[in-house]
Amino acid sequence: MSLGGEHPVGRWQAGGIGPFELRHSALTRAAEDAAKTFTLMAYSGHTRVARLARYAGVSPEALARWLQGRDPARCR
């Protein structure tokens, strides 16, 4: 059953959090902690990067932190 464009499985009643939101959150946190793509794929069970990308996103803030840690000027 589809509920207003939501995932066909629907959402848990308590707070609108369901298994897909939890999966997305776990994979996003791992990606933001700099887990490698193949590690994320093994963790999630995805066999294609395009499928993994649906679940694992990186916030602009996490990307900025990652880039700051790799600034060549800081390595001097």
PDB file of N, CA and C in Angstrom:
ATOM      1  N   MET A   1       0.844  -1.163   0.000  1.00  0.00           N
ATOM      2  CA  MET A   1       0.000   0.000   0.000  1.00  0.00           C
ATOM      3  C   MET A   1       0.899   1.238   0.000  1.00  0.00           C
ATOM      4  N   SER A   2       0.602   2.191  -0.833  1.00  0.00           N
ATOM      5  CA  SER A   2       1.367   3.428  -0.890  1.00  0.00           C
ATOM      6  C   SER A   2       0.602   4.525  -0.157  1.00  0.00           C
ATOM      7  N   LEU A   3       1.315   5.293   0.653  1.00  0.00           N
ATOM      8  CA  LEU A   3       0.690   6.355   1.430  1.00  0.00           C
ATOM      9  C   LEU A   3       1.237   7.706   0.989  1.00  0.00           C
ATOM     10  N   GLY A   4       0.580   8.352   0.067  1.00  0.00           N
ATOM     11  CA  GLY A   4       0.971   9.692  -0.340  1.00  0.00           C
ATOM     12  C   GLY A   4       2.371   9.815  -0.875  1.00  0.00           C
ATOM     13  N   GLY A   5       2.816   8.866  -1.680  1.00  0.00           N
ATOM     14  CA  GLY A   5       4.132   8.947  -2.274  1.00  0.00           C
ATOM     15  C   GLY A   5       5.240   8.376  -1.403  1.00  0.00           C
ATOM     16  N   GLU A   6       4.917   7.919  -0.206  1.00  0.00           N
ATOM     17  CA  GLU A   6       5.922   7.322   0.657  1.00  0.00           C
ATOM     18  C   GLU A   6       6.267   5.933   0.130  1.00  0.00           C
ATOM     19  N   HIS A   7       7.276   5.358   0.723  1.00  0.00           N
ATOM     20  CA  HIS A   7       7.686   4.011   0.316  1.00  0.00           C
ATOM     21  C   HIS A   7       6.493   3.072   0.455  1.00  0.00           C
ATOM     22  N   PRO A   8       6.323   2.126  -0.474  1.00  0.00           N
ATOM     23  CA  PRO A   8       5.155   1.226  -0.439  1.00  0.00           C
ATOM     24  C   PRO A   8       4.985   0.465   0.874  1.00  0.00           C
ATOM     25  N   VAL A   9       6.054   0.227   1.601  1.00  0.00           N
ATOM     26  CA  VAL A   9       5.956  -0.489   2.864  1.00  0.00           C
ATOM     27  C   VAL A   9       5.292   0.388   3.921  1.00  0.00           C
ATOM     28  N   GLY A  10       5.313   1.686   3.748  1.00  0.00           N
ATOM     29  CA  GLY A  10       4.738   2.606   4.726  1.00  0.00           C
ATOM     30  C   GLY A  10       5.729   2.966   5.804  1.00  0.00           C
ATOM     31  N   ARG A  11       5.271   3.629   6.829  1.00  0.00           N
ATOM     32  CA  ARG A  11       6.127   4.062   7.931  1.00  0.00           C
ATOM     33  C   ARG A  11       5.580   3.530   9.249  1.00  0.00           C
ATOM     34  N   TRP A  12       6.484   3.374  10.196  1.00  0.00           N
ATOM     35  CA  TRP A  12       6.029   3.007  11.528  1.00  0.00           C
ATOM     36  C   TRP A  12       5.223   4.159  12.082  1.00  0.00           C
ATOM     37  N   GLN A  13       4.284   3.863  12.901  1.00  0.00           N
ATOM     38  CA  GLN A  13       3.415   4.899  13.442  1.00  0.00           C
ATOM     39  C   GLN A  13       4.139   5.826  14.413  1.00  0.00           C
ATOM     40  N   ALA A  14       5.050   5.338  15.188  1.00  0.00           N
ATOM     41  CA  ALA A  14       5.722   6.144  16.210  1.00  0.00           C
ATOM     42  C   ALA A  14       6.737   7.087  15.566  1.00  0.00           C
ATOM     43  N   GLY A  15       6.368   8.318  15.370  1.00  0.00           N
ATOM     44  CA  GLY A  15       7.305   9.332  14.886  1.00  0.00           C
ATOM     45  C   GLY A  15       7.589   9.284  13.402  1.00  0.00           C
ATOM     46  N   GLY A  16       6.934   8.433  12.651  1.00  0.00           N
ATOM     47  CA  GLY A  16       7.175   8.370  11.213  1.00  0.00           C
ATOM     48  C   GLY A  16       8.529   7.785  10.844  1.00  0.00           C
ATOM     49  N   ILE A  17       9.147   7.050  11.751  1.00  0.00           N
ATOM     50  CA  ILE A  17      10.449   6.448  11.489  1.00  0.00           C
ATOM     51  C   ILE A  17      10.243   4.974  11.165  1.00  0.00           C
ATOM     52  N   GLY A  18      10.795   4.556  10.054  1.00  0.00           N
ATOM     53  CA  GLY A  18      10.669   3.162   9.646  1.00  0.00           C
ATOM     54  C   GLY A  18      12.020   2.555   9.328  1.00  0.00           C
ATOM     55  N   PRO A  19      12.046   1.322   8.901  1.00  0.00           N
ATOM     56  CA  PRO A  19      13.311   0.635   8.633  1.00  0.00           C
ATOM     57  C   PRO A  19      14.132   1.317   7.540  1.00  0.00           C
ATOM     58  N   PHE A  20      13.493   1.941   6.583  1.00  0.00           N
ATOM     59  CA  PHE A  20      14.246   2.579   5.505  1.00  0.00           C
ATOM     60  C   PHE A  20      14.913   3.862   5.985  1.00  0.00           C
ATOM     61  N   GLU A  21      14.266   4.579   6.892  1.00  0.00           N
ATOM     62  CA  GLU A  21      14.884   5.771   7.467  1.00  0.00           C
ATOM     63  C   GLU A  21      16.075   5.381   8.342  1.00  0.00           C
ATOM     64  N   LEU A  22      15.935   4.291   9.088  1.00  0.00           N
ATOM     65  CA  LEU A  22      17.036   3.821   9.923  1.00  0.00           C
ATOM     66  C   LEU A  22      18.212   3.366   9.066  1.00  0.00           C
ATOM     67  N   ARG A  23      17.917   2.685   7.979  1.00  0.00           N
ATOM     68  CA  ARG A  23      18.964   2.221   7.058  1.00  0.00           C
ATOM     69  C   ARG A  23      19.694   3.416   6.454  1.00  0.00           C
ATOM     70  N   HIS A  24      18.931   4.410   6.000  1.00  0.00           N
ATOM     71  CA  HIS A  24      19.525   5.612   5.419  1.00  0.00           C
ATOM     72  C   HIS A  24      20.421   6.303   6.441  1.00  0.00           C
ATOM     73  N   SER A  25      19.930   6.437   7.663  1.00  0.00           N
ATOM     74  CA  SER A  25      20.688   7.106   8.712  1.00  0.00           C
ATOM     75  C   SER A  25      21.996   6.368   9.014  1.00  0.00           C
ATOM     76  N   ALA A  26      21.933   5.062   9.146  1.00  0.00           N
ATOM     77  CA  ALA A  26      23.132   4.277   9.456  1.00  0.00           C
ATOM     78  C   ALA A  26      24.169   4.381   8.342  1.00  0.00           C
ATOM     79  N   LEU A  27      23.724   4.288   7.107  1.00  0.00           N
ATOM     80  CA  LEU A  27      24.665   4.373   5.986  1.00  0.00           C
ATOM     81  C   LEU A  27      25.218   5.779   5.823  1.00  0.00           C
ATOM     82  N   THR A  28      24.396   6.789   6.055  1.00  0.00           N
ATOM     83  CA  THR A  28      24.869   8.169   5.972  1.00  0.00           C
ATOM     84  C   THR A  28      25.927   8.430   7.031  1.00  0.00           C
ATOM     85  N   ARG A  29      25.678   7.989   8.267  1.00  0.00           N
ATOM     86  CA  ARG A  29      26.668   8.185   9.333  1.00  0.00           C
ATOM     87  C   ARG A  29      27.980   7.477   9.001  1.00  0.00           C
ATOM     88  N   ALA A  30      27.907   6.276   8.472  1.00  0.00           N
ATOM     89  CA  ALA A  30      29.130   5.556   8.100  1.00  0.00           C
ATOM     90  C   ALA A  30      29.864   6.291   6.976  1.00  0.00           C
ATOM     91  N   ALA A  31      29.118   6.806   5.995  1.00  0.00           N
ATOM     92  CA  ALA A  31      29.741   7.550   4.899  1.00  0.00           C
ATOM     93  C   ALA A  31      30.392   8.822   5.428  1.00  0.00           C
ATOM     94  N   GLU A  32      29.728   9.512   6.341  1.00  0.00           N
ATOM     95  CA  GLU A  32      30.288  10.737   6.915  1.00  0.00           C
ATOM     96  C   GLU A  32      31.492  10.457   7.802  1.00  0.00           C
ATOM     97  N   ASP A  33      31.612   9.233   8.295  1.00  0.00           N
ATOM     98  CA  ASP A  33      32.790   8.833   9.066  1.00  0.00           C
ATOM     99  C   ASP A  33      33.897   8.308   8.153  1.00  0.00           C
ATOM    100  N   ALA A  34      33.746   8.546   6.838  1.00  0.00           N
ATOM    101  CA  ALA A  34      34.749   8.225   5.812  1.00  0.00           C
ATOM    102  C   ALA A  34      34.886   6.729   5.533  1.00  0.00           C
ATOM    103  N   ALA A  35      33.814   5.976   5.717  1.00  0.00           N
ATOM    104  CA  ALA A  35      33.853   4.565   5.316  1.00  0.00           C
ATOM    105  C   ALA A  35      34.031   4.500   3.792  1.00  0.00           C
ATOM    106  N   LYS A  36      34.832   3.584   3.348  1.00  0.00           N
ATOM    107  CA  LYS A  36      35.080   3.434   1.915  1.00  0.00           C
ATOM    108  C   LYS A  36      33.837   2.860   1.221  1.00  0.00           C
ATOM    109  N   THR A  37      33.711   3.142  -0.060  1.00  0.00           N
ATOM    110  CA  THR A  37      32.547   2.717  -0.833  1.00  0.00           C
ATOM    111  C   THR A  37      32.319   1.218  -0.730  1.00  0.00           C
ATOM    112  N   PHE A  38      33.375   0.427  -0.887  1.00  0.00           N
ATOM    113  CA  PHE A  38      33.188  -1.020  -0.847  1.00  0.00           C
ATOM    114  C   PHE A  38      32.814  -1.508   0.553  1.00  0.00           C
ATOM    115  N   THR A  39      33.254  -0.799   1.580  1.00  0.00           N
ATOM    116  CA  THR A  39      32.838  -1.130   2.943  1.00  0.00           C
ATOM    117  C   THR A  39      31.352  -0.863   3.114  1.00  0.00           C
ATOM    118  N   LEU A  40      30.897   0.294   2.614  1.00  0.00           N
ATOM    119  CA  LEU A  40      29.472   0.622   2.682  1.00  0.00           C
ATOM    120  C   LEU A  40      28.642  -0.382   1.893  1.00  0.00           C
ATOM    121  N   MET A  41      29.154  -0.809   0.753  1.00  0.00           N
ATOM    122  CA  MET A  41      28.423  -1.787  -0.062  1.00  0.00           C
ATOM    123  C   MET A  41      28.311  -3.124   0.670  1.00  0.00           C
ATOM    124  N   ALA A  42      29.383  -3.542   1.308  1.00  0.00           N
ATOM    125  CA  ALA A  42      29.351  -4.802   2.051  1.00  0.00           C
ATOM    126  C   ALA A  42      28.395  -4.690   3.243  1.00  0.00           C
ATOM    127  N   TYR A  43      28.430  -3.564   3.922  1.00  0.00           N
ATOM    128  CA  TYR A  43      27.575  -3.324   5.088  1.00  0.00           C
ATOM    129  C   TYR A  43      26.099  -3.311   4.699  1.00  0.00           C
ATOM    130  N   SER A  44      25.805  -2.692   3.563  1.00  0.00           N
ATOM    131  CA  SER A  44      24.409  -2.539   3.153  1.00  0.00           C
ATOM    132  C   SER A  44      23.887  -3.704   2.323  1.00  0.00           C
ATOM    133  N   GLY A  45      24.799  -4.467   1.734  1.00  0.00           N
ATOM    134  CA  GLY A  45      24.372  -5.557   0.864  1.00  0.00           C
ATOM    135  C   GLY A  45      24.131  -5.125  -0.572  1.00  0.00           C
ATOM    136  N   HIS A  46      24.422  -3.865  -0.889  1.00  0.00           N
ATOM    137  CA  HIS A  46      24.247  -3.390  -2.259  1.00  0.00           C
ATOM    138  C   HIS A  46      25.383  -3.902  -3.133  1.00  0.00           C
ATOM    139  N   THR A  47      25.064  -4.214  -4.374  1.00  0.00           N
ATOM    140  CA  THR A  47      26.079  -4.682  -5.315  1.00  0.00           C
ATOM    141  C   THR A  47      26.405  -3.629  -6.366  1.00  0.00           C
ATOM    142  N   ARG A  48      25.649  -2.536  -6.368  1.00  0.00           N
ATOM    143  CA  ARG A  48      25.912  -1.444  -7.310  1.00  0.00           C
ATOM    144  C   ARG A  48      25.986  -0.121  -6.559  1.00  0.00           C
ATOM    145  N   VAL A  49      26.938   0.699  -6.967  1.00  0.00           N
ATOM    146  CA  VAL A  49      27.129   1.994  -6.320  1.00  0.00           C
ATOM    147  C   VAL A  49      25.884   2.864  -6.463  1.00  0.00           C
ATOM    148  N   ALA A  50      25.212   2.791  -7.590  1.00  0.00           N
ATOM    149  CA  ALA A  50      24.008   3.605  -7.800  1.00  0.00           C
ATOM    150  C   ALA A  50      22.934   3.290  -6.764  1.00  0.00           C
ATOM    151  N   ARG A  51      22.811   2.049  -6.372  1.00  0.00           N
ATOM    152  CA  ARG A  51      21.821   1.673  -5.353  1.00  0.00           C
ATOM    153  C   ARG A  51      22.262   2.179  -3.984  1.00  0.00           C
ATOM    154  N   LEU A  52      23.548   2.075  -3.707  1.00  0.00           N
ATOM    155  CA  LEU A  52      24.084   2.568  -2.447  1.00  0.00           C
ATOM    156  C   LEU A  52      23.839   4.069  -2.314  1.00  0.00           C
ATOM    157  N   ALA A  53      23.983   4.794  -3.399  1.00  0.00           N
ATOM    158  CA  ALA A  53      23.830   6.251  -3.380  1.00  0.00           C
ATOM    159  C   ALA A  53      22.426   6.678  -2.948  1.00  0.00           C
ATOM    160  N   ARG A  54      21.443   5.830  -3.124  1.00  0.00           N
ATOM    161  CA  ARG A  54      20.077   6.153  -2.683  1.00  0.00           C
ATOM    162  C   ARG A  54      19.987   6.226  -1.164  1.00  0.00           C
ATOM    163  N   TYR A  55      20.842   5.488  -0.479  1.00  0.00           N
ATOM    164  CA  TYR A  55      20.775   5.402   0.973  1.00  0.00           C
ATOM    165  C   TYR A  55      21.845   6.212   1.689  1.00  0.00           C
ATOM    166  N   ALA A  56      23.035   6.291   1.124  1.00  0.00           N
ATOM    167  CA  ALA A  56      24.150   6.946   1.809  1.00  0.00           C
ATOM    168  C   ALA A  56      24.381   8.319   1.210  1.00  0.00           C
ATOM    169  N   GLY A  57      24.115   9.337   1.981  1.00  0.00           N
ATOM    170  CA  GLY A  57      24.375  10.701   1.548  1.00  0.00           C
ATOM    171  C   GLY A  57      25.350  11.345   2.512  1.00  0.00           C
ATOM    172  N   VAL A  58      26.002  12.388   2.065  1.00  0.00           N
ATOM    173  CA  VAL A  58      26.933  13.099   2.921  1.00  0.00           C
ATOM    174  C   VAL A  58      26.494  14.554   2.973  1.00  0.00           C
ATOM    175  N   SER A  59      26.356  15.077   4.162  1.00  0.00           N
ATOM    176  CA  SER A  59      25.918  16.468   4.318  1.00  0.00           C
ATOM    177  C   SER A  59      27.026  17.413   3.887  1.00  0.00           C
ATOM    178  N   PRO A  60      26.672  18.635   3.521  1.00  0.00           N
ATOM    179  CA  PRO A  60      27.697  19.625   3.170  1.00  0.00           C
ATOM    180  C   PRO A  60      28.679  19.871   4.320  1.00  0.00           C
ATOM    181  N   GLU A  61      28.191  19.825   5.557  1.00  0.00           N
ATOM    182  CA  GLU A  61      29.062  20.022   6.719  1.00  0.00           C
ATOM    183  C   GLU A  61      30.083  18.889   6.843  1.00  0.00           C
ATOM    184  N   ALA A  62      29.640  17.656   6.638  1.00  0.00           N
ATOM    185  CA  ALA A  62      30.553  16.518   6.727  1.00  0.00           C
ATOM    186  C   ALA A  62      31.580  16.571   5.604  1.00  0.00           C
ATOM    187  N   LEU A  63      31.156  16.979   4.423  1.00  0.00           N
ATOM    188  CA  LEU A  63      32.091  17.112   3.303  1.00  0.00           C
ATOM    189  C   LEU A  63      33.134  18.188   3.614  1.00  0.00           C
ATOM    190  N   ALA A  64      32.707  19.304   4.190  1.00  0.00           N
ATOM    191  CA  ALA A  64      33.641  20.382   4.541  1.00  0.00           C
ATOM    192  C   ALA A  64      34.661  19.900   5.575  1.00  0.00           C
ATOM    193  N   ARG A  65      34.212  19.130   6.590  1.00  0.00           N
ATOM    194  CA  ARG A  65      35.141  18.593   7.594  1.00  0.00           C
ATOM    195  C   ARG A  65      36.152  17.661   6.944  1.00  0.00           C
ATOM    196  N   TRP A  66      35.676  16.821   6.032  1.00  0.00           N
ATOM    197  CA  TRP A  66      36.559  15.867   5.351  1.00  0.00           C
ATOM    198  C   TRP A  66      37.591  16.614   4.509  1.00  0.00           C
ATOM    199  N   LEU A  67      37.153  17.619   3.782  1.00  0.00           N
ATOM    200  CA  LEU A  67      38.071  18.399   2.939  1.00  0.00           C
ATOM    201  C   LEU A  67      39.082  19.169   3.786  1.00  0.00           C
ATOM    202  N   GLN A  68      38.651  19.707   4.910  1.00  0.00           N
ATOM    203  CA  GLN A  68      39.540  20.461   5.787  1.00  0.00           C
ATOM    204  C   GLN A  68      40.672  19.569   6.294  1.00  0.00           C
ATOM    205  N   GLY A  69      40.366  18.322   6.578  1.00  0.00           N
ATOM    206  CA  GLY A  69      41.382  17.395   7.050  1.00  0.00           C
ATOM    207  C   GLY A  69      42.381  16.984   5.983  1.00  0.00           C
ATOM    208  N   ARG A  70      42.087  17.293   4.752  1.00  0.00           N
ATOM    209  CA  ARG A  70      42.974  16.932   3.646  1.00  0.00           C
ATOM    210  C   ARG A  70      43.605  18.140   2.967  1.00  0.00           C
ATOM    211  N   ASP A  71      43.518  19.289   3.612  1.00  0.00           N
ATOM    212  CA  ASP A  71      44.083  20.523   3.069  1.00  0.00           C
ATOM    213  C   ASP A  71      45.601  20.422   3.080  1.00  0.00           C
ATOM    214  N   PRO A  72      46.257  20.490   1.909  1.00  0.00           N
ATOM    215  CA  PRO A  72      47.733  20.372   1.851  1.00  0.00           C
ATOM    216  C   PRO A  72      48.444  21.418   2.704  1.00  0.00           C
ATOM    217  N   ALA A  73      47.863  22.584   2.875  1.00  0.00           N
ATOM    218  CA  ALA A  73      48.487  23.634   3.674  1.00  0.00           C
ATOM    219  C   ALA A  73      48.606  23.215   5.140  1.00  0.00           C
ATOM    220  N   ARG A  74      47.724  22.372   5.615  1.00  0.00           N
ATOM    221  CA  ARG A  74      47.756  21.933   7.009  1.00  0.00           C
ATOM    222  C   ARG A  74      48.817  20.868   7.240  1.00  0.00           C
ATOM    223  N   CYS A  75      49.319  20.262   6.162  1.00  0.00           N
ATOM    224  CA  CYS A  75      50.299  19.170   6.285  1.00  0.00           C
ATOM    225  C   CYS A  75      51.739  19.674   6.406  1.00  0.00           C
ATOM    226  N   ARG A  76      51.934  20.970   6.322  1.00  0.00           N
ATOM    227  CA  ARG A  76      53.309  21.517   6.344  1.00  0.00           C
ATOM    228  C   ARG A  76      53.845  21.606   7.730  1.00  0.00           C
TER     229      ARG A  76
END
